[in-house]
Amino acid sequence: MPPSIGFDQITFHVHWDVLGIALALGAGYAYAIRRLAPVRGIEGPAVTRRQVLWFAGGLTLFFLARSWPLHDMGDQSLFLFHMIEHLVLALAVPPMLLRGTPTWLMQMLVAPVLPVLRFLTKPLVALLLFNGVLAYIHAPSVITLMLHNEAAHLGLHLALIVSATLMWWPVVGPIPEIPKLSPFMAMGYLFLQSLVPTVPASFLTFASTPVYKVYTDLPRLWGISVLDDQLIAGLIMKIGGGLLLWAVIGTIFFKWAAAEDRRAERGPVIPSRV
């Protein structure tokens, strides 16, 4: 058994690459709102307070997931923290950034690649791409690469965020050029996505030997064994990811039901006779 360690032995250091990305995105967002919106003749407020909060929240979660201590606990000791990091980057950061980007700004950003984006955000294509990337970055050899090469680690996490953004686009996409799914279809789409991770999660949950050999030689934070770490990571992938997706499904359902109730209260629209 590798030695057991405490939290005080998780080495602190600043992840300058992650900090740089977060600051660059935040500065670019602020520049677009203050400088580009007037040039483009945007009528009314260029961004709402809610959109700013969504975008700032997404950047904050990105920074926290990729920084000390969460990222370092996953790199230096326990795979379960690596799994939490992946769930945050895939299921929380992308929809928050999409919700926080004004329609006019997103239209400007994606205009050069709009035909390609239309194809990549088709529900089936987006699901296949996202889950393909998700499966790839959880392959044992890729996990080993990520722990030994920080540049590859960051690059693969950015690929996860991009593919997750495509997956979320049919549900929260902000531009009319790529219409969102109807509430009923969006709930079915996310329900299907909640089922897919069951297979890889089962491998982790029920495995009787270590799946990721690279973790067998790492110090064990709080004495958690390799197999227990693996088991918890599988449960986080299945239950944690499922709860996040089902929370969104529930939100869509209640908003849909409330809209239907308001429509019923107004009654049928009777066309006026000339």
Protein backbone atom coordinates (compact mmCIF):
# COMPACT_ATOMS: atom_id res chain seq x y z
CA MET A 1 0.00 0.00 0.00
CA PRO A 2 1.28 3.49 -0.83
CA PRO A 3 1.63 5.78 2.21
CA SER A 4 -1.39 7.58 3.63
CA ILE A 5 -1.15 11.37 3.61
CA GLY A 6 -3.13 14.32 4.90
CA PHE A 7 -4.46 17.34 3.04
CA ASP A 8 -1.51 19.43 4.26
CA GLN A 9 0.76 17.36 2.01
CA ILE A 10 -1.04 18.34 -1.20
CA THR A 11 1.43 20.74 -2.76
CA PHE A 12 0.08 24.22 -3.39
CA HIS A 13 0.96 26.07 -6.56
CA VAL A 14 -0.73 28.55 -8.84
CA HIS A 15 -1.92 27.18 -12.19
CA TRP A 16 -0.92 30.18 -14.29
CA ASP A 17 -2.20 28.66 -17.53
CA VAL A 18 -5.69 28.24 -16.11
CA LEU A 19 -5.63 31.67 -14.49
CA GLY A 20 -4.53 33.17 -17.82
CA ILE A 21 -7.38 31.50 -19.74
CA ALA A 22 -9.99 32.62 -17.20
CA LEU A 23 -8.70 36.21 -17.16
CA ALA A 24 -8.48 36.35 -20.98
CA LEU A 25 -12.06 35.13 -21.38
CA GLY A 26 -13.31 37.56 -18.74
CA ALA A 27 -11.43 40.48 -20.32
CA GLY A 28 -12.68 39.54 -23.79
CA TYR A 29 -16.26 39.38 -22.51
CA ALA A 30 -15.96 42.79 -20.85
CA TYR A 31 -14.36 44.32 -23.96
CA ALA A 32 -17.14 42.97 -26.19
CA ILE A 33 -19.87 44.35 -23.94
CA ARG A 34 -18.28 47.78 -23.55
CA ARG A 35 -16.69 48.33 -26.96
CA LEU A 36 -18.26 46.07 -29.57
CA ALA A 37 -21.91 46.43 -28.59
CA PRO A 38 -22.02 50.19 -29.39
CA VAL A 39 -20.26 49.62 -32.71
CA ARG A 40 -22.81 46.97 -33.70
CA GLY A 41 -25.68 49.29 -32.81
CA ILE A 42 -27.19 47.04 -30.14
CA GLU A 43 -30.48 48.52 -28.98
CA GLY A 44 -31.17 48.35 -25.27
CA PRO A 45 -28.74 46.79 -22.77
CA ALA A 46 -25.92 44.80 -24.38
CA VAL A 47 -26.08 42.23 -21.59
CA THR A 48 -28.36 41.52 -18.65
CA ARG A 49 -27.24 41.20 -15.06
CA ARG A 50 -28.31 37.56 -15.09
CA GLN A 51 -26.14 36.85 -18.12
CA VAL A 52 -23.13 38.44 -16.44
CA LEU A 53 -23.71 36.27 -13.37
CA TRP A 54 -24.00 33.11 -15.50
CA PHE A 55 -20.78 33.88 -17.38
CA ALA A 56 -18.84 34.88 -14.27
CA GLY A 57 -20.08 31.75 -12.50
CA GLY A 58 -18.94 29.55 -15.39
CA LEU A 59 -15.47 31.11 -15.42
CA THR A 60 -15.22 30.78 -11.64
CA LEU A 61 -16.12 27.09 -11.72
CA PHE A 62 -13.63 26.51 -14.54
CA PHE A 63 -10.89 28.13 -12.49
CA LEU A 64 -11.78 26.29 -9.28
CA ALA A 65 -12.03 22.89 -10.99
CA ARG A 66 -8.67 23.28 -12.71
CA SER A 67 -6.78 24.78 -9.76
CA TRP A 68 -5.52 23.89 -6.30
CA PRO A 69 -6.75 22.04 -4.32
CA LEU A 70 -9.25 20.03 -6.42
CA HIS A 71 -7.06 19.57 -9.49
CA ASP A 72 -3.97 18.80 -7.41
CA MET A 73 -5.74 16.24 -5.23
CA GLY A 74 -6.78 14.45 -8.43
CA ASP A 75 -3.26 14.62 -9.84
CA GLN A 76 -1.35 13.75 -6.70
CA SER A 77 -3.56 11.23 -4.93
CA LEU A 78 -7.21 10.34 -5.61
CA PHE A 79 -8.99 9.68 -8.91
CA LEU A 80 -12.36 10.64 -7.41
CA PHE A 81 -11.29 14.30 -7.46
CA HIS A 82 -10.30 13.91 -11.09
CA MET A 83 -13.84 12.66 -11.73
CA ILE A 84 -15.40 15.63 -9.91
CA GLU A 85 -13.24 17.92 -12.04
CA HIS A 86 -14.49 16.24 -15.22
CA LEU A 87 -18.13 16.54 -14.20
CA VAL A 88 -17.77 20.25 -13.41
CA LEU A 89 -16.01 20.93 -16.72
CA ALA A 90 -18.56 18.94 -18.72
CA LEU A 91 -21.90 19.50 -17.00
CA ALA A 92 -21.63 22.86 -15.26
CA VAL A 93 -19.16 25.18 -17.01
CA PRO A 94 -20.42 24.90 -20.65
CA PRO A 95 -24.15 25.58 -20.03
CA MET A 96 -23.29 28.46 -17.71
CA LEU A 97 -21.04 30.10 -20.32
CA LEU A 98 -23.70 29.58 -23.00
CA ARG A 99 -26.40 31.08 -20.78
CA GLY A 100 -24.13 34.03 -20.03
CA THR A 101 -23.32 34.94 -23.64
CA PRO A 102 -25.70 37.49 -25.23
CA THR A 103 -27.29 36.47 -28.52
CA TRP A 104 -25.62 39.24 -30.55
CA LEU A 105 -22.16 38.35 -29.20
CA MET A 106 -22.56 34.64 -29.90
CA GLN A 107 -23.82 35.39 -33.41
CA MET A 108 -20.71 37.45 -34.03
CA LEU A 109 -18.37 34.78 -32.64
CA VAL A 110 -19.81 31.82 -34.57
CA ALA A 111 -20.61 33.57 -37.85
CA PRO A 112 -17.46 32.26 -39.64
CA VAL A 113 -18.21 28.64 -38.65
CA LEU A 114 -22.01 28.69 -38.54
CA PRO A 115 -22.56 25.95 -41.19
CA VAL A 116 -20.14 23.62 -39.39
CA LEU A 117 -21.68 24.46 -36.02
CA ARG A 118 -25.16 23.65 -37.34
CA PHE A 119 -23.96 20.13 -38.13
CA LEU A 120 -21.94 19.59 -34.93
CA THR A 121 -24.87 20.67 -32.74
CA LYS A 122 -27.37 18.27 -34.27
CA PRO A 123 -28.52 16.29 -31.22
CA LEU A 124 -27.25 12.88 -32.31
CA VAL A 125 -23.94 14.25 -33.59
CA ALA A 126 -23.39 16.30 -30.43
CA LEU A 127 -24.15 13.32 -28.17
CA LEU A 128 -21.78 11.05 -30.08
CA LEU A 129 -18.97 13.61 -30.07
CA PHE A 130 -19.28 14.44 -26.39
CA ASN A 131 -19.51 10.85 -25.21
CA GLY A 132 -16.67 9.85 -27.52
CA VAL A 133 -14.42 12.49 -25.94
CA LEU A 134 -15.65 11.53 -22.46
CA ALA A 135 -14.83 7.86 -23.06
CA TYR A 136 -11.43 8.72 -24.56
CA ILE A 137 -10.23 10.86 -21.67
CA HIS A 138 -11.19 8.09 -19.22
CA ALA A 139 -9.09 5.45 -21.01
CA PRO A 140 -6.31 4.22 -18.66
CA SER A 141 -3.49 5.24 -21.01
CA VAL A 142 -4.97 8.73 -21.42
CA ILE A 143 -5.37 9.19 -17.66
CA THR A 144 -1.70 8.23 -17.30
CA LEU A 145 -0.75 10.80 -19.95
CA MET A 146 -2.78 13.50 -18.22
CA LEU A 147 -1.09 12.90 -14.89
CA HIS A 148 2.40 12.98 -16.43
CA ASN A 149 1.96 15.82 -18.93
CA GLU A 150 0.24 19.00 -17.73
CA ALA A 151 0.02 20.51 -21.23
CA ALA A 152 -1.78 17.42 -22.52
CA HIS A 153 -3.96 17.48 -19.40
CA LEU A 154 -5.08 21.05 -20.08
CA GLY A 155 -5.57 20.39 -23.79
CA LEU A 156 -7.75 17.34 -23.17
CA HIS A 157 -9.82 19.22 -20.63
CA LEU A 158 -10.39 22.02 -23.14
CA ALA A 159 -11.47 19.38 -25.67
CA LEU A 160 -13.93 18.08 -23.07
CA ILE A 161 -15.34 21.58 -22.56
CA VAL A 162 -15.71 22.16 -26.31
CA SER A 163 -17.47 18.82 -26.89
CA ALA A 164 -19.68 19.43 -23.83
CA THR A 165 -20.61 22.85 -25.21
CA LEU A 166 -21.78 21.16 -28.41
CA MET A 167 -23.76 18.65 -26.33
CA TRP A 168 -25.48 21.42 -24.34
CA TRP A 169 -26.17 23.64 -27.36
CA PRO A 170 -29.47 21.96 -28.40
CA VAL A 171 -30.78 22.71 -24.90
CA VAL A 172 -29.42 26.18 -24.05
CA GLY A 173 -28.00 27.49 -27.35
CA PRO A 174 -28.44 31.28 -27.43
CA ILE A 175 -28.89 32.03 -31.16
CA PRO A 176 -32.03 31.59 -33.32
CA GLU A 177 -29.93 30.43 -36.30
CA ILE A 178 -29.61 27.10 -34.46
CA PRO A 179 -33.02 26.54 -32.83
CA LYS A 180 -33.18 24.84 -29.45
CA LEU A 181 -35.07 21.60 -28.94
CA SER A 182 -38.66 21.80 -27.75
CA PRO A 183 -39.03 21.23 -23.99
CA PHE A 184 -40.29 17.67 -24.49
CA MET A 185 -37.43 16.79 -26.87
CA ALA A 186 -34.87 18.51 -24.62
CA MET A 187 -35.97 16.39 -21.65
CA GLY A 188 -35.69 13.20 -23.72
CA TYR A 189 -32.28 14.29 -25.02
CA LEU A 190 -30.90 14.89 -21.52
CA PHE A 191 -32.49 11.69 -20.23
CA LEU A 192 -30.59 9.76 -22.90
CA GLN A 193 -27.38 11.54 -21.93
CA SER A 194 -27.95 10.59 -18.29
CA LEU A 195 -28.02 6.90 -19.26
CA VAL A 196 -24.84 6.81 -21.36
CA PRO A 197 -22.27 7.17 -18.51
CA THR A 198 -23.76 4.12 -16.79
CA VAL A 199 -21.46 1.78 -18.75
CA PRO A 200 -18.07 3.34 -17.88
CA ALA A 201 -19.27 4.06 -14.34
CA SER A 202 -20.13 0.37 -13.91
CA PHE A 203 -16.59 -0.64 -14.87
CA LEU A 204 -15.25 1.55 -12.09
CA THR A 205 -17.87 0.61 -9.52
CA PHE A 206 -17.70 -3.16 -9.92
CA ALA A 207 -14.02 -3.64 -10.85
CA SER A 208 -12.14 -5.92 -8.46
CA THR A 209 -8.71 -4.69 -9.60
CA PRO A 210 -7.38 -1.16 -10.19
CA VAL A 211 -8.46 0.21 -13.57
CA TYR A 212 -5.94 3.06 -13.48
CA LYS A 213 -2.56 1.57 -12.58
CA VAL A 214 -0.99 5.03 -12.38
CA TYR A 215 -2.95 5.66 -9.17
CA THR A 216 -1.67 2.54 -7.41
CA ASP A 217 1.69 4.18 -6.70
CA LEU A 218 0.36 7.56 -5.58
CA PRO A 219 0.07 8.47 -1.87
CA ARG A 220 -3.43 7.80 -0.55
CA LEU A 221 -5.11 10.94 0.76
CA TRP A 222 -6.81 10.21 4.12
CA GLY A 223 -5.90 6.53 3.66
CA ILE A 224 -8.56 5.89 0.98
CA SER A 225 -7.55 2.72 -0.88
CA VAL A 226 -7.22 2.50 -4.65
CA LEU A 227 -10.33 0.31 -4.99
CA ASP A 228 -12.43 2.49 -2.68
CA ASP A 229 -11.26 5.56 -4.61
CA GLN A 230 -12.28 3.85 -7.84
CA LEU A 231 -15.67 2.86 -6.43
CA ILE A 232 -16.43 6.40 -5.24
CA ALA A 233 -15.35 7.84 -8.60
CA GLY A 234 -17.76 5.50 -10.41
CA LEU A 235 -20.61 6.51 -8.11
CA ILE A 236 -19.80 10.19 -8.65
CA MET A 237 -19.85 9.68 -12.42
CA LYS A 238 -23.21 7.92 -12.39
CA ILE A 239 -25.09 9.46 -9.46
CA GLY A 240 -23.51 12.93 -9.45
CA GLY A 241 -23.75 13.37 -13.20
CA GLY A 242 -27.27 11.96 -13.23
CA LEU A 243 -28.44 14.33 -10.50
CA LEU A 244 -27.09 17.35 -12.38
CA LEU A 245 -28.83 16.30 -15.60
CA TRP A 246 -32.07 15.43 -13.82
CA ALA A 247 -32.03 18.81 -12.08
CA VAL A 248 -31.97 20.44 -15.52
CA ILE A 249 -34.70 18.08 -16.77
CA GLY A 250 -36.84 19.03 -13.78
CA THR A 251 -36.26 22.73 -14.38
CA ILE A 252 -37.28 22.40 -18.03
CA PHE A 253 -40.40 20.43 -17.07
CA PHE A 254 -41.64 22.94 -14.48
CA LYS A 255 -41.00 25.90 -16.78
CA TRP A 256 -42.83 24.09 -19.57
CA ALA A 257 -45.76 23.25 -17.28
CA ALA A 258 -45.95 26.85 -16.04
CA ALA A 259 -45.98 28.16 -19.61
CA GLU A 260 -48.76 25.73 -20.53
CA ASP A 261 -50.79 26.85 -17.50
CA ARG A 262 -50.45 30.51 -18.49
CA ARG A 263 -51.48 29.66 -22.04
CA ALA A 264 -54.54 27.77 -20.78
CA GLU A 265 -55.55 30.68 -18.53
CA ARG A 266 -55.48 33.08 -21.48
CA GLY A 267 -57.77 30.76 -23.44
CA PRO A 268 -57.90 30.26 -27.18
CA VAL A 269 -57.13 33.18 -29.43
CA ILE A 270 -60.24 34.09 -31.42
CA PRO A 271 -59.43 35.79 -34.72
CA SER A 272 -61.20 39.11 -35.20
CA ARG A 273 -63.60 39.54 -38.08
CA VAL A 274 -63.11 42.43 -40.42
